[in-house]
Amino acid sequence: MTGVLQTILPVVVMLVIGIVCRRTGLISREGIGALKNVVVNITLPAVLLNAFATTSYTFMDVVVPLLMFAVCLVAWALGKAGGKALGLPSRFVPFLTTGFEAGMLGYALFNMLYGAERTAEFARIDLGQVLFVFTLYKVLLAADGDKKTDVGRLVKDMALSPIIIAIVAGVLLGATGLYRALQPSGVSGVLDACTAFVSAPTSAIILLTIGYDLVLDDIPWAQTAKVVALRLVIMLVLRTALVALLGAIWPQANLTAAINVMFILPPPFVLPVFADDADQRTYVSSALSVSTLVAIAGFAVMAAKG
């Protein structure tokens, strides 16, 4: 029980601190936005740089991201079909059933469960969905909203994203063997020390900002419960299929823990930005809030099981 509390209680404490900061005005909305920028542009890239630099690469490290990209696309298609079958009117339903908020939640939960030394496992699974969210996800959102897709701007945003830059730099360091070649000189150790220091507050900041945004007032529970349940069913089916497939083609991968954490996560938190009107933003934000609570509950169950 003590071990479980050591894993779960820090999450709960930071969420509560975030809620208190919102209700008391201790941190403003602008301040929370600044903290999110720190995570997305500084601390999380440090996590990813180290994770990909210290990974040993095989051919399957190309296959796994492609499989995750395909999983995200299938989830979108199943969400679109499921939304119609359940009579859910919002055009955002399929976008609420695909993609994962790994950056602002996944890495924090995974590291608390399994330790920073296993971050590379989660990063392997994350890469494919990151590529999906930065490319096809945004294209589908724009197309579904009858907006012209600026491909050039999309490519520029992706190329200049600190997260993508960190991933590319980490892959180059790891796949080329440069990171290992620099170990005897101590340069790799210096890199590890720098990335560890910069990335240290990532989990705490992420959970604080999530608690700040976790508002459950005025949620349309009937419609929200349907889309959250639809996502859970789709994630369960696709998670089972992915674990079975990877077990057959790459049994030594040991990625089941990373997949389990990934597939309990909510959709990307950026989604409300694309909502057309106030009602749609409320619907999307409600679904994200409830999905986040479901993810925290899933995390607690995984921590209890050890």
Protein backbone atom coordinates (compact mmCIF):
# COMPACT_ATOMS: atom_id res chain seq x y z
CA MET A 1 0.00 0.00 0.00
CA THR A 2 2.88 2.37 0.80
CA GLY A 3 4.39 1.73 -2.63
CA VAL A 4 1.07 2.42 -4.33
CA LEU A 5 0.63 5.66 -2.41
CA GLN A 6 4.16 6.73 -3.32
CA THR A 7 3.13 6.52 -6.98
CA ILE A 8 -0.46 7.78 -6.84
CA LEU A 9 -0.35 10.44 -4.13
CA PRO A 10 2.10 12.80 -5.91
CA VAL A 11 -0.26 12.83 -8.90
CA VAL A 12 -3.28 13.63 -6.73
CA VAL A 13 -1.37 16.29 -4.78
CA MET A 14 -0.25 18.14 -7.92
CA LEU A 15 -3.76 17.96 -9.43
CA VAL A 16 -5.22 19.40 -6.21
CA ILE A 17 -2.58 22.15 -6.15
CA GLY A 18 -3.57 23.04 -9.71
CA ILE A 19 -7.24 23.22 -8.73
CA VAL A 20 -6.41 25.38 -5.70
CA CYS A 21 -4.29 27.70 -7.86
CA ARG A 22 -7.25 28.25 -10.19
CA ARG A 23 -9.83 28.80 -7.48
CA THR A 24 -7.66 31.16 -5.42
CA GLY A 25 -6.15 33.00 -8.37
CA LEU A 26 -2.66 32.14 -7.11
CA ILE A 27 -1.67 31.52 -10.74
CA SER A 28 -3.38 33.36 -13.58
CA ARG A 29 -4.54 31.80 -16.83
CA GLU A 30 -1.62 33.54 -18.54
CA GLY A 31 0.73 32.02 -15.98
CA ILE A 32 -0.58 28.52 -16.71
CA GLY A 33 -0.11 29.18 -20.42
CA ALA A 34 3.49 30.16 -19.72
CA LEU A 35 4.06 26.96 -17.73
CA LYS A 36 2.66 24.89 -20.59
CA ASN A 37 5.03 26.63 -22.98
CA VAL A 38 7.93 25.78 -20.67
CA VAL A 39 6.96 22.10 -20.77
CA VAL A 40 6.29 21.88 -24.51
CA ASN A 41 9.25 23.96 -25.64
CA ILE A 42 11.92 23.21 -23.01
CA THR A 43 11.50 20.42 -20.46
CA LEU A 44 9.67 17.81 -22.59
CA PRO A 45 12.11 18.17 -25.52
CA ALA A 46 14.91 17.47 -23.01
CA VAL A 47 13.12 14.26 -21.99
CA LEU A 48 12.72 13.18 -25.63
CA LEU A 49 16.27 14.09 -26.63
CA ASN A 50 17.72 11.86 -23.93
CA ALA A 51 15.23 9.05 -24.51
CA PHE A 52 15.93 8.76 -28.24
CA ALA A 53 19.69 9.32 -27.86
CA THR A 54 20.04 6.42 -25.41
CA THR A 55 17.93 3.99 -27.45
CA SER A 56 19.42 1.08 -29.38
CA TYR A 57 17.84 1.03 -32.84
CA THR A 58 16.64 -1.84 -34.98
CA PHE A 59 14.52 -2.18 -38.10
CA MET A 60 11.46 -2.51 -35.85
CA ASP A 61 11.98 1.06 -34.69
CA VAL A 62 10.77 2.04 -38.16
CA VAL A 63 7.90 -0.44 -38.13
CA VAL A 64 6.48 0.51 -34.70
CA PRO A 65 5.90 4.21 -35.54
CA LEU A 66 4.24 3.18 -38.79
CA LEU A 67 1.97 0.80 -36.88
CA MET A 68 1.05 3.54 -34.40
CA PHE A 69 0.33 5.95 -37.24
CA ALA A 70 -1.99 3.32 -38.75
CA VAL A 71 -3.64 2.69 -35.36
CA CYS A 72 -4.44 6.40 -35.02
CA LEU A 73 -5.96 6.49 -38.50
CA VAL A 74 -8.07 3.39 -37.81
CA ALA A 75 -9.22 4.91 -34.51
CA TRP A 76 -10.34 8.05 -36.36
CA ALA A 77 -12.30 5.93 -38.88
CA LEU A 78 -13.90 3.84 -36.13
CA GLY A 79 -14.80 7.01 -34.25
CA LYS A 80 -16.45 8.47 -37.32
CA ALA A 81 -18.51 5.30 -37.85
CA GLY A 82 -19.26 4.90 -34.16
CA GLY A 83 -20.35 8.52 -33.80
CA LYS A 84 -22.89 8.09 -36.59
CA ALA A 85 -24.16 4.83 -35.10
CA LEU A 86 -24.66 6.45 -31.68
CA GLY A 87 -26.23 9.58 -33.14
CA LEU A 88 -23.50 11.91 -31.87
CA PRO A 89 -23.87 15.11 -33.91
CA SER A 90 -20.52 16.81 -33.28
CA ARG A 91 -17.97 16.74 -36.09
CA PHE A 92 -15.29 16.41 -33.41
CA VAL A 93 -16.31 12.89 -32.36
CA PRO A 94 -13.75 11.06 -34.55
CA PHE A 95 -11.04 13.46 -33.37
CA LEU A 96 -11.95 12.66 -29.76
CA THR A 97 -11.45 8.95 -30.44
CA THR A 98 -7.93 9.18 -31.86
CA GLY A 99 -4.59 10.71 -30.94
CA PHE A 100 -3.07 10.73 -27.46
CA GLU A 101 -1.96 13.49 -25.10
CA ALA A 102 1.42 11.90 -24.49
CA GLY A 103 3.35 15.16 -24.19
CA MET A 104 1.27 16.87 -21.52
CA LEU A 105 0.33 13.71 -19.58
CA GLY A 106 1.69 10.42 -20.93
CA TYR A 107 5.37 10.89 -20.15
CA ALA A 108 4.58 12.12 -16.64
CA LEU A 109 2.43 9.07 -15.83
CA PHE A 110 4.77 6.56 -17.49
CA ASN A 111 7.86 7.88 -15.70
CA MET A 112 6.07 7.81 -12.35
CA LEU A 113 5.08 4.19 -12.92
CA TYR A 114 8.23 2.80 -14.50
CA GLY A 115 11.02 5.34 -14.01
CA ALA A 116 12.80 7.73 -16.35
CA GLU A 117 15.25 5.00 -17.37
CA ARG A 118 12.45 3.31 -19.35
CA THR A 119 11.26 6.47 -21.12
CA ALA A 120 12.63 5.18 -24.43
CA GLU A 121 9.96 2.44 -24.44
CA PHE A 122 7.20 5.03 -24.28
CA ALA A 123 8.98 7.27 -26.80
CA ARG A 124 9.04 4.39 -29.29
CA ILE A 125 5.24 4.14 -29.12
CA ASP A 126 4.78 7.90 -29.03
CA LEU A 127 6.72 8.69 -32.22
CA GLY A 128 4.08 7.33 -34.61
CA GLN A 129 1.20 9.15 -32.94
CA VAL A 130 3.23 12.39 -32.78
CA LEU A 131 3.72 12.22 -36.54
CA PHE A 132 0.00 11.52 -36.97
CA VAL A 133 -1.09 14.46 -34.78
CA PHE A 134 1.35 16.90 -36.42
CA THR A 135 0.32 15.90 -39.95
CA LEU A 136 -2.81 13.96 -40.89
CA TYR A 137 -4.75 14.84 -37.72
CA LYS A 138 -4.45 18.57 -38.45
CA VAL A 139 -5.19 18.04 -42.14
CA LEU A 140 -8.37 16.08 -41.33
CA LEU A 141 -9.45 18.73 -38.81
CA ALA A 142 -9.02 21.51 -41.34
CA ALA A 143 -10.71 19.55 -44.13
CA ASP A 144 -13.64 18.58 -41.91
CA GLY A 145 -14.12 22.21 -41.00
CA ASP A 146 -14.18 23.28 -44.65
CA LYS A 147 -11.00 25.26 -44.15
CA LYS A 148 -8.20 25.36 -46.69
CA THR A 149 -5.17 23.44 -45.48
CA ASP A 150 -1.95 25.41 -45.68
CA VAL A 151 0.46 22.54 -46.29
CA GLY A 152 3.48 24.83 -46.25
CA ARG A 153 2.56 26.25 -42.85
CA LEU A 154 1.87 22.74 -41.55
CA VAL A 155 5.32 21.54 -42.62
CA LYS A 156 6.96 24.67 -41.18
CA ASP A 157 5.19 24.29 -37.82
CA MET A 158 6.23 20.66 -37.63
CA ALA A 159 9.85 21.34 -38.65
CA LEU A 160 10.23 24.16 -36.11
CA SER A 161 8.53 22.35 -33.23
CA PRO A 162 11.01 21.87 -30.34
CA ILE A 163 9.51 18.41 -29.77
CA ILE A 164 10.18 17.31 -33.35
CA ILE A 165 13.66 18.89 -33.29
CA ALA A 166 14.47 17.04 -30.06
CA ILE A 167 13.21 13.73 -31.49
CA VAL A 168 15.24 14.15 -34.69
CA ALA A 169 18.37 15.14 -32.75
CA GLY A 170 17.95 12.22 -30.36
CA VAL A 171 17.43 9.71 -33.18
CA LEU A 172 20.52 11.03 -34.98
CA LEU A 173 22.63 10.72 -31.81
CA GLY A 174 21.36 7.23 -31.07
CA ALA A 175 20.99 5.67 -34.53
CA THR A 176 24.38 6.88 -35.78
CA GLY A 177 26.15 5.59 -32.66
CA LEU A 178 27.47 9.07 -31.87
CA TYR A 179 26.03 9.03 -28.34
CA ARG A 180 27.79 5.75 -27.51
CA ALA A 181 31.00 6.90 -29.22
CA LEU A 182 31.09 9.94 -26.93
CA GLN A 183 30.65 7.92 -23.73
CA PRO A 184 34.39 7.20 -23.13
CA SER A 185 35.17 10.93 -23.26
CA GLY A 186 32.39 11.74 -20.79
CA VAL A 187 30.52 13.99 -23.23
CA SER A 188 27.48 11.69 -23.18
CA GLY A 189 27.44 11.92 -19.39
CA VAL A 190 27.44 15.70 -19.58
CA LEU A 191 24.48 15.52 -21.99
CA ASP A 192 22.66 13.17 -19.61
CA ALA A 193 23.25 15.53 -16.69
CA CYS A 194 21.96 18.54 -18.63
CA THR A 195 18.83 16.81 -19.95
CA ALA A 196 18.08 15.29 -16.53
CA PHE A 197 18.36 18.69 -14.84
CA VAL A 198 16.21 20.49 -17.42
CA SER A 199 13.56 17.76 -17.54
CA ALA A 200 13.29 17.24 -13.75
CA PRO A 201 10.19 19.47 -13.17
CA THR A 202 8.28 18.13 -16.21
CA SER A 203 5.89 15.79 -14.39
CA ALA A 204 5.05 18.24 -11.60
CA ILE A 205 4.38 21.15 -13.97
CA ILE A 206 2.28 19.00 -16.28
CA LEU A 207 0.07 17.69 -13.49
CA LEU A 208 -0.33 21.17 -11.97
CA THR A 209 -1.53 22.59 -15.30
CA ILE A 210 -3.90 19.67 -15.81
CA GLY A 211 -5.39 20.20 -12.36
CA TYR A 212 -5.78 23.91 -13.17
CA ASP A 213 -7.75 23.08 -16.33
CA LEU A 214 -9.81 20.29 -14.75
CA VAL A 215 -13.20 22.00 -14.55
CA LEU A 216 -16.20 19.68 -14.21
CA ASP A 217 -18.92 22.33 -13.96
CA ASP A 218 -21.67 22.38 -16.59
CA ILE A 219 -20.51 19.20 -18.36
CA PRO A 220 -23.18 17.74 -20.68
CA TRP A 221 -22.78 14.32 -19.12
CA ALA A 222 -25.09 12.32 -21.42
CA GLN A 223 -23.29 13.26 -24.65
CA THR A 224 -19.86 13.35 -23.02
CA ALA A 225 -20.23 9.89 -21.51
CA LYS A 226 -21.11 8.46 -24.93
CA VAL A 227 -18.05 9.79 -26.71
CA VAL A 228 -15.72 8.87 -23.82
CA ALA A 229 -17.17 5.35 -23.74
CA LEU A 230 -16.80 5.10 -27.52
CA ARG A 231 -13.13 6.07 -27.24
CA LEU A 232 -12.54 3.53 -24.47
CA VAL A 233 -14.03 0.70 -26.54
CA ILE A 234 -11.98 1.67 -29.60
CA MET A 235 -8.79 1.95 -27.52
CA LEU A 236 -9.40 -1.44 -25.90
CA VAL A 237 -9.86 -3.15 -29.26
CA LEU A 238 -6.86 -1.47 -30.89
CA ARG A 239 -4.65 -1.94 -27.83
CA THR A 240 -5.39 -5.67 -27.83
CA ALA A 241 -4.70 -5.92 -31.55
CA LEU A 242 -1.42 -3.96 -31.32
CA VAL A 243 -0.09 -5.97 -28.36
CA ALA A 244 -0.91 -9.22 -30.16
CA LEU A 245 0.70 -8.04 -33.41
CA LEU A 246 3.89 -6.80 -31.74
CA GLY A 247 4.04 -9.99 -29.68
CA ALA A 248 4.01 -11.97 -32.92
CA ILE A 249 6.52 -9.93 -34.95
CA TRP A 250 8.78 -8.50 -32.19
CA PRO A 251 8.33 -10.52 -28.98
CA GLN A 252 11.49 -9.13 -27.33
CA ALA A 253 10.31 -5.52 -27.66
CA ASN A 254 8.81 -5.35 -24.15
CA LEU A 255 6.46 -2.50 -25.14
CA THR A 256 3.27 -3.68 -23.44
CA ALA A 257 3.66 -1.30 -20.47
CA ALA A 258 4.16 1.67 -22.79
CA ILE A 259 1.15 0.66 -24.88
CA ASN A 260 -1.02 0.29 -21.78
CA VAL A 261 -0.18 3.82 -20.61
CA MET A 262 -0.57 5.29 -24.09
CA PHE A 263 -4.01 3.80 -24.66
CA ILE A 264 -5.52 5.14 -21.42
CA LEU A 265 -4.56 8.72 -22.32
CA PRO A 266 -7.07 11.39 -23.40
CA PRO A 267 -7.12 12.92 -26.90
CA PRO A 268 -4.75 15.82 -27.71
CA PHE A 269 -5.41 18.83 -25.49
CA VAL A 270 -5.05 21.16 -28.48
CA LEU A 271 -8.41 20.08 -29.90
CA PRO A 272 -10.61 22.88 -28.37
CA VAL A 273 -8.60 25.41 -30.39
CA PHE A 274 -10.27 24.08 -33.54
CA ALA A 275 -13.82 24.20 -32.14
CA ASP A 276 -16.10 26.43 -34.22
CA ASP A 277 -18.29 27.94 -31.51
CA ALA A 278 -18.77 28.10 -27.75
CA ASP A 279 -21.04 25.02 -27.63
CA GLN A 280 -18.53 22.93 -29.55
CA ARG A 281 -15.67 24.12 -27.34
CA THR A 282 -17.68 23.18 -24.24
CA TYR A 283 -18.41 19.74 -25.69
CA VAL A 284 -14.78 19.08 -26.62
CA SER A 285 -13.39 20.47 -23.35
CA SER A 286 -15.87 18.38 -21.37
CA ALA A 287 -14.81 15.23 -23.21
CA LEU A 288 -11.15 16.03 -22.58
CA SER A 289 -11.77 16.66 -18.86
CA VAL A 290 -13.64 13.39 -18.37
CA SER A 291 -11.11 11.48 -20.48
CA THR A 292 -8.33 12.91 -18.31
CA LEU A 293 -10.08 11.69 -15.15
CA VAL A 294 -10.44 8.27 -16.77
CA ALA A 295 -6.71 8.29 -17.55
CA ILE A 296 -5.86 9.18 -13.94
CA ALA A 297 -8.13 6.37 -12.74
CA GLY A 298 -6.44 3.97 -15.16
CA PHE A 299 -3.06 5.11 -13.87
CA ALA A 300 -4.19 4.39 -10.29
CA VAL A 301 -5.28 0.87 -11.27
CA MET A 302 -1.96 0.20 -13.02
CA ALA A 303 -0.04 1.52 -10.00
CA ALA A 304 -2.08 -0.72 -7.65
CA LYS A 305 -1.34 -3.78 -9.80
CA GLY A 306 2.34 -2.87 -9.78
